[in-house]
């Protein structure tokens, strides 16, 4: 999706009724530093969903419907400094 946007530094997509992020959607967005997905309809973050976003320092996911986040969802975000998950449906549960 972002293949021809090699200089793109910020992706700002709040209030777009996004329900799902497909794996690989950001694989060509390696220069992006800020990703704003606030106020969408995301319910879950799948395995390695942010793969390719190796330079992201700020990720905004507030006010979605997030209930489940795969443990590897943020794996590639080594430079992440700000992660906003407020006002979602997350619960602190441990399944053994």
N, C-alpha and C. Protein backbone atom coordinates (compact mmCIF):
# COMPACT_ATOMS: atom_id res chain seq x y z
N UNK A 1 0.81 -1.20 0.00
CA UNK A 1 0.00 0.00 0.00
C UNK A 1 0.85 1.26 0.00
N UNK A 2 1.94 1.27 0.75
CA UNK A 2 2.77 2.46 0.87
C UNK A 2 4.06 2.34 0.05
N UNK A 3 4.09 1.47 -0.93
CA UNK A 3 5.29 1.16 -1.71
C UNK A 3 5.91 2.41 -2.35
N UNK A 4 5.15 3.29 -2.93
CA UNK A 4 5.70 4.45 -3.63
C UNK A 4 5.86 5.67 -2.74
N UNK A 5 5.73 5.50 -1.45
CA UNK A 5 5.82 6.61 -0.51
C UNK A 5 7.10 6.51 0.32
N UNK A 6 8.24 6.39 -0.32
CA UNK A 6 9.50 6.15 0.38
C UNK A 6 9.93 7.28 1.30
N UNK A 7 9.41 8.48 1.12
CA UNK A 7 9.78 9.61 1.97
C UNK A 7 8.75 9.93 3.04
N UNK A 8 7.71 9.17 3.09
CA UNK A 8 6.62 9.38 4.03
C UNK A 8 7.12 9.24 5.47
N UNK A 9 6.90 10.27 6.30
CA UNK A 9 7.35 10.28 7.70
C UNK A 9 6.21 10.14 8.70
N UNK A 10 4.99 10.46 8.28
CA UNK A 10 3.85 10.40 9.19
C UNK A 10 2.63 9.85 8.45
N UNK A 11 1.94 8.93 9.12
CA UNK A 11 0.68 8.41 8.61
C UNK A 11 -0.38 8.80 9.62
N UNK A 12 -1.36 9.59 9.18
CA UNK A 12 -2.38 10.15 10.06
C UNK A 12 -3.75 9.68 9.56
N UNK A 13 -4.32 8.66 10.22
CA UNK A 13 -5.57 8.06 9.77
C UNK A 13 -6.63 7.96 10.88
N UNK A 14 -6.82 8.99 11.69
CA UNK A 14 -7.86 8.91 12.71
C UNK A 14 -9.25 9.00 12.08
N UNK A 15 -10.22 8.40 12.75
CA UNK A 15 -11.63 8.49 12.35
C UNK A 15 -11.90 8.02 10.92
N UNK A 16 -11.34 6.89 10.56
CA UNK A 16 -11.56 6.34 9.23
C UNK A 16 -12.32 5.02 9.23
N UNK A 17 -12.85 4.63 10.38
CA UNK A 17 -13.60 3.40 10.51
C UNK A 17 -12.80 2.17 10.08
N UNK A 18 -11.50 2.20 10.32
CA UNK A 18 -10.64 1.06 10.00
C UNK A 18 -10.94 -0.05 11.00
N UNK A 19 -11.27 -1.22 10.49
CA UNK A 19 -11.64 -2.35 11.34
C UNK A 19 -10.51 -3.36 11.49
N UNK A 20 -9.63 -3.42 10.50
CA UNK A 20 -8.57 -4.44 10.51
C UNK A 20 -7.34 -3.90 9.81
N UNK A 21 -6.19 -4.26 10.34
CA UNK A 21 -4.92 -3.97 9.69
C UNK A 21 -4.37 -5.28 9.16
N UNK A 22 -4.26 -5.40 7.86
CA UNK A 22 -3.74 -6.63 7.26
C UNK A 22 -2.24 -6.71 7.46
N UNK A 23 -1.76 -7.92 7.68
CA UNK A 23 -0.34 -8.14 7.81
C UNK A 23 0.37 -7.66 6.55
N UNK A 24 1.46 -6.93 6.72
CA UNK A 24 2.24 -6.46 5.59
C UNK A 24 1.83 -5.10 5.05
N UNK A 25 0.76 -4.52 5.58
CA UNK A 25 0.29 -3.23 5.06
C UNK A 25 1.36 -2.14 5.19
N UNK A 26 2.22 -2.24 6.19
CA UNK A 26 3.23 -1.20 6.41
C UNK A 26 4.64 -1.64 5.98
N UNK A 27 4.79 -2.74 5.28
CA UNK A 27 6.13 -3.28 4.99
C UNK A 27 7.01 -2.34 4.17
N UNK A 28 6.43 -1.41 3.43
CA UNK A 28 7.24 -0.46 2.64
C UNK A 28 7.25 0.93 3.26
N UNK A 29 6.89 1.03 4.52
CA UNK A 29 6.82 2.33 5.19
C UNK A 29 7.93 2.47 6.24
N UNK A 30 9.11 2.09 5.87
CA UNK A 30 10.21 2.02 6.84
C UNK A 30 10.67 3.38 7.36
N UNK A 31 10.35 4.46 6.69
CA UNK A 31 10.77 5.79 7.16
C UNK A 31 9.75 6.48 8.05
N UNK A 32 8.59 5.90 8.18
CA UNK A 32 7.53 6.49 9.00
C UNK A 32 7.97 6.56 10.45
N UNK A 33 7.75 7.71 11.06
CA UNK A 33 8.12 7.93 12.46
C UNK A 33 6.89 8.08 13.36
N UNK A 34 5.77 8.53 12.80
CA UNK A 34 4.54 8.72 13.57
C UNK A 34 3.39 8.04 12.84
N UNK A 35 2.66 7.18 13.58
CA UNK A 35 1.49 6.51 13.03
C UNK A 35 0.31 6.78 13.96
N UNK A 36 -0.71 7.44 13.42
CA UNK A 36 -1.90 7.78 14.20
C UNK A 36 -3.10 7.02 13.64
N UNK A 37 -3.60 6.08 14.45
CA UNK A 37 -4.78 5.30 14.09
C UNK A 37 -5.88 5.47 15.14
N UNK A 38 -5.90 6.61 15.81
CA UNK A 38 -6.89 6.88 16.85
C UNK A 38 -8.31 6.90 16.28
N UNK A 39 -9.25 6.55 17.16
CA UNK A 39 -10.69 6.65 16.87
C UNK A 39 -11.11 5.89 15.62
N UNK A 40 -10.59 4.68 15.49
CA UNK A 40 -11.05 3.78 14.44
C UNK A 40 -11.84 2.66 15.11
N UNK A 41 -11.99 1.54 14.44
CA UNK A 41 -12.79 0.44 14.96
C UNK A 41 -11.98 -0.84 15.12
N UNK A 42 -10.69 -0.69 15.35
CA UNK A 42 -9.81 -1.85 15.51
C UNK A 42 -10.16 -2.62 16.76
N UNK A 43 -10.32 -3.95 16.64
CA UNK A 43 -10.62 -4.80 17.78
C UNK A 43 -9.43 -5.64 18.21
N UNK A 44 -8.54 -5.91 17.28
CA UNK A 44 -7.37 -6.73 17.60
C UNK A 44 -6.18 -6.33 16.75
N UNK A 45 -5.00 -6.58 17.29
CA UNK A 45 -3.75 -6.37 16.56
C UNK A 45 -3.11 -7.73 16.38
N UNK A 46 -3.01 -8.15 15.14
CA UNK A 46 -2.51 -9.48 14.81
C UNK A 46 -0.99 -9.56 14.91
N UNK A 47 -0.49 -10.75 14.74
CA UNK A 47 0.93 -11.06 14.78
C UNK A 47 1.72 -10.18 13.80
N UNK A 48 2.76 -9.53 14.29
CA UNK A 48 3.67 -8.72 13.47
C UNK A 48 2.97 -7.70 12.59
N UNK A 49 1.84 -7.18 13.00
CA UNK A 49 1.04 -6.27 12.18
C UNK A 49 1.79 -4.99 11.81
N UNK A 50 2.75 -4.58 12.63
CA UNK A 50 3.48 -3.35 12.35
C UNK A 50 4.84 -3.62 11.70
N UNK A 51 5.02 -4.79 11.14
CA UNK A 51 6.27 -5.14 10.47
C UNK A 51 6.57 -4.12 9.38
N UNK A 52 7.80 -3.63 9.36
CA UNK A 52 8.21 -2.63 8.38
C UNK A 52 8.34 -1.25 8.98
N UNK A 53 7.71 -1.01 10.10
CA UNK A 53 7.73 0.31 10.73
C UNK A 53 8.91 0.42 11.71
N UNK A 54 10.10 0.20 11.21
CA UNK A 54 11.29 0.13 12.06
C UNK A 54 11.72 1.47 12.64
N UNK A 55 11.20 2.57 12.14
CA UNK A 55 11.57 3.89 12.64
C UNK A 55 10.46 4.61 13.40
N UNK A 56 9.36 3.94 13.66
CA UNK A 56 8.25 4.57 14.38
C UNK A 56 8.67 4.88 15.81
N UNK A 57 8.46 6.13 16.20
CA UNK A 57 8.72 6.55 17.58
C UNK A 57 7.43 6.85 18.32
N UNK A 58 6.34 7.10 17.58
CA UNK A 58 5.05 7.42 18.19
C UNK A 58 3.94 6.62 17.51
N UNK A 59 3.16 5.90 18.31
CA UNK A 59 2.06 5.09 17.80
C UNK A 59 0.82 5.40 18.63
N UNK A 60 -0.21 5.90 17.97
CA UNK A 60 -1.44 6.32 18.63
C UNK A 60 -2.59 5.39 18.24
N UNK A 61 -3.09 4.63 19.22
CA UNK A 61 -4.17 3.68 19.01
C UNK A 61 -5.34 3.92 19.96
N UNK A 62 -5.39 5.08 20.55
CA UNK A 62 -6.43 5.41 21.53
C UNK A 62 -7.81 5.41 20.88
N UNK A 63 -8.80 5.10 21.71
CA UNK A 63 -10.21 5.17 21.33
C UNK A 63 -10.58 4.29 20.13
N UNK A 64 -10.04 3.09 20.14
CA UNK A 64 -10.48 2.05 19.21
C UNK A 64 -11.35 1.10 20.01
N UNK A 65 -11.46 -0.11 19.57
CA UNK A 65 -12.22 -1.16 20.28
C UNK A 65 -11.30 -2.32 20.64
N UNK A 66 -10.02 -2.05 20.81
CA UNK A 66 -9.03 -3.11 21.02
C UNK A 66 -9.35 -3.97 22.23
N UNK A 67 -9.42 -5.28 21.97
CA UNK A 67 -9.64 -6.26 23.02
C UNK A 67 -8.47 -7.25 23.10
N UNK A 68 -7.76 -7.43 21.98
CA UNK A 68 -6.70 -8.42 21.93
C UNK A 68 -5.51 -7.87 21.16
N UNK A 69 -4.33 -8.02 21.75
CA UNK A 69 -3.09 -7.63 21.09
C UNK A 69 -2.16 -8.82 21.11
N UNK A 70 -1.78 -9.30 19.94
CA UNK A 70 -0.84 -10.42 19.86
C UNK A 70 0.49 -10.00 20.49
N UNK A 71 1.15 -10.89 21.21
CA UNK A 71 2.43 -10.54 21.86
C UNK A 71 3.51 -10.06 20.90
N UNK A 72 3.40 -10.39 19.62
CA UNK A 72 4.42 -9.96 18.65
C UNK A 72 4.01 -8.70 17.87
N UNK A 73 2.86 -8.14 18.17
CA UNK A 73 2.35 -7.01 17.39
C UNK A 73 3.34 -5.85 17.32
N UNK A 74 4.04 -5.58 18.42
CA UNK A 74 4.95 -4.43 18.47
C UNK A 74 6.42 -4.84 18.30
N UNK A 75 6.67 -6.05 17.90
CA UNK A 75 8.01 -6.63 17.83
C UNK A 75 9.03 -5.77 17.08
N UNK A 76 8.66 -5.21 15.97
CA UNK A 76 9.60 -4.47 15.13
C UNK A 76 9.76 -3.00 15.53
N UNK A 77 9.02 -2.56 16.52
CA UNK A 77 9.02 -1.14 16.90
C UNK A 77 10.10 -0.84 17.93
N UNK A 78 11.34 -1.09 17.58
CA UNK A 78 12.47 -0.93 18.51
C UNK A 78 12.70 0.52 18.93
N UNK A 79 12.27 1.48 18.13
CA UNK A 79 12.47 2.90 18.44
C UNK A 79 11.26 3.56 19.09
N UNK A 80 10.24 2.77 19.39
CA UNK A 80 8.99 3.31 19.94
C UNK A 80 9.22 4.00 21.28
N UNK A 81 8.77 5.24 21.37
CA UNK A 81 8.87 6.04 22.60
C UNK A 81 7.50 6.35 23.18
N UNK A 82 6.49 6.51 22.32
CA UNK A 82 5.13 6.85 22.76
C UNK A 82 4.17 5.82 22.20
N UNK A 83 3.42 5.18 23.11
CA UNK A 83 2.37 4.23 22.72
C UNK A 83 1.11 4.62 23.48
N UNK A 84 0.09 5.08 22.76
CA UNK A 84 -1.15 5.52 23.39
C UNK A 84 -2.25 4.50 23.10
N UNK A 85 -2.68 3.80 24.17
CA UNK A 85 -3.73 2.79 24.07
C UNK A 85 -4.95 3.13 24.91
N UNK A 86 -5.06 4.36 25.34
CA UNK A 86 -6.16 4.71 26.25
C UNK A 86 -7.53 4.55 25.58
N UNK A 87 -8.52 4.30 26.44
CA UNK A 87 -9.93 4.20 26.02
C UNK A 87 -10.16 3.09 25.00
N UNK A 88 -9.60 1.93 25.27
CA UNK A 88 -9.86 0.73 24.48
C UNK A 88 -10.59 -0.26 25.39
N UNK A 89 -10.74 -1.47 24.95
CA UNK A 89 -11.46 -2.48 25.72
C UNK A 89 -10.52 -3.56 26.25
N UNK A 90 -9.28 -3.20 26.46
CA UNK A 90 -8.27 -4.14 26.94
C UNK A 90 -8.51 -4.48 28.40
N UNK A 91 -8.25 -5.74 28.72
CA UNK A 91 -8.32 -6.18 30.11
C UNK A 91 -7.03 -6.91 30.43
N UNK A 92 -6.64 -6.85 31.68
CA UNK A 92 -5.44 -7.53 32.13
C UNK A 92 -5.79 -8.96 32.49
N UNK A 93 -5.54 -9.87 31.54
CA UNK A 93 -5.86 -11.28 31.76
C UNK A 93 -4.64 -12.13 31.47
N UNK A 94 -4.48 -13.17 32.24
CA UNK A 94 -3.41 -14.13 32.02
C UNK A 94 -4.06 -15.49 31.80
N UNK A 95 -3.74 -16.12 30.69
CA UNK A 95 -4.26 -17.45 30.39
C UNK A 95 -3.13 -18.45 30.50
N UNK A 96 -3.32 -19.43 31.38
CA UNK A 96 -2.29 -20.46 31.58
C UNK A 96 -2.71 -21.74 30.91
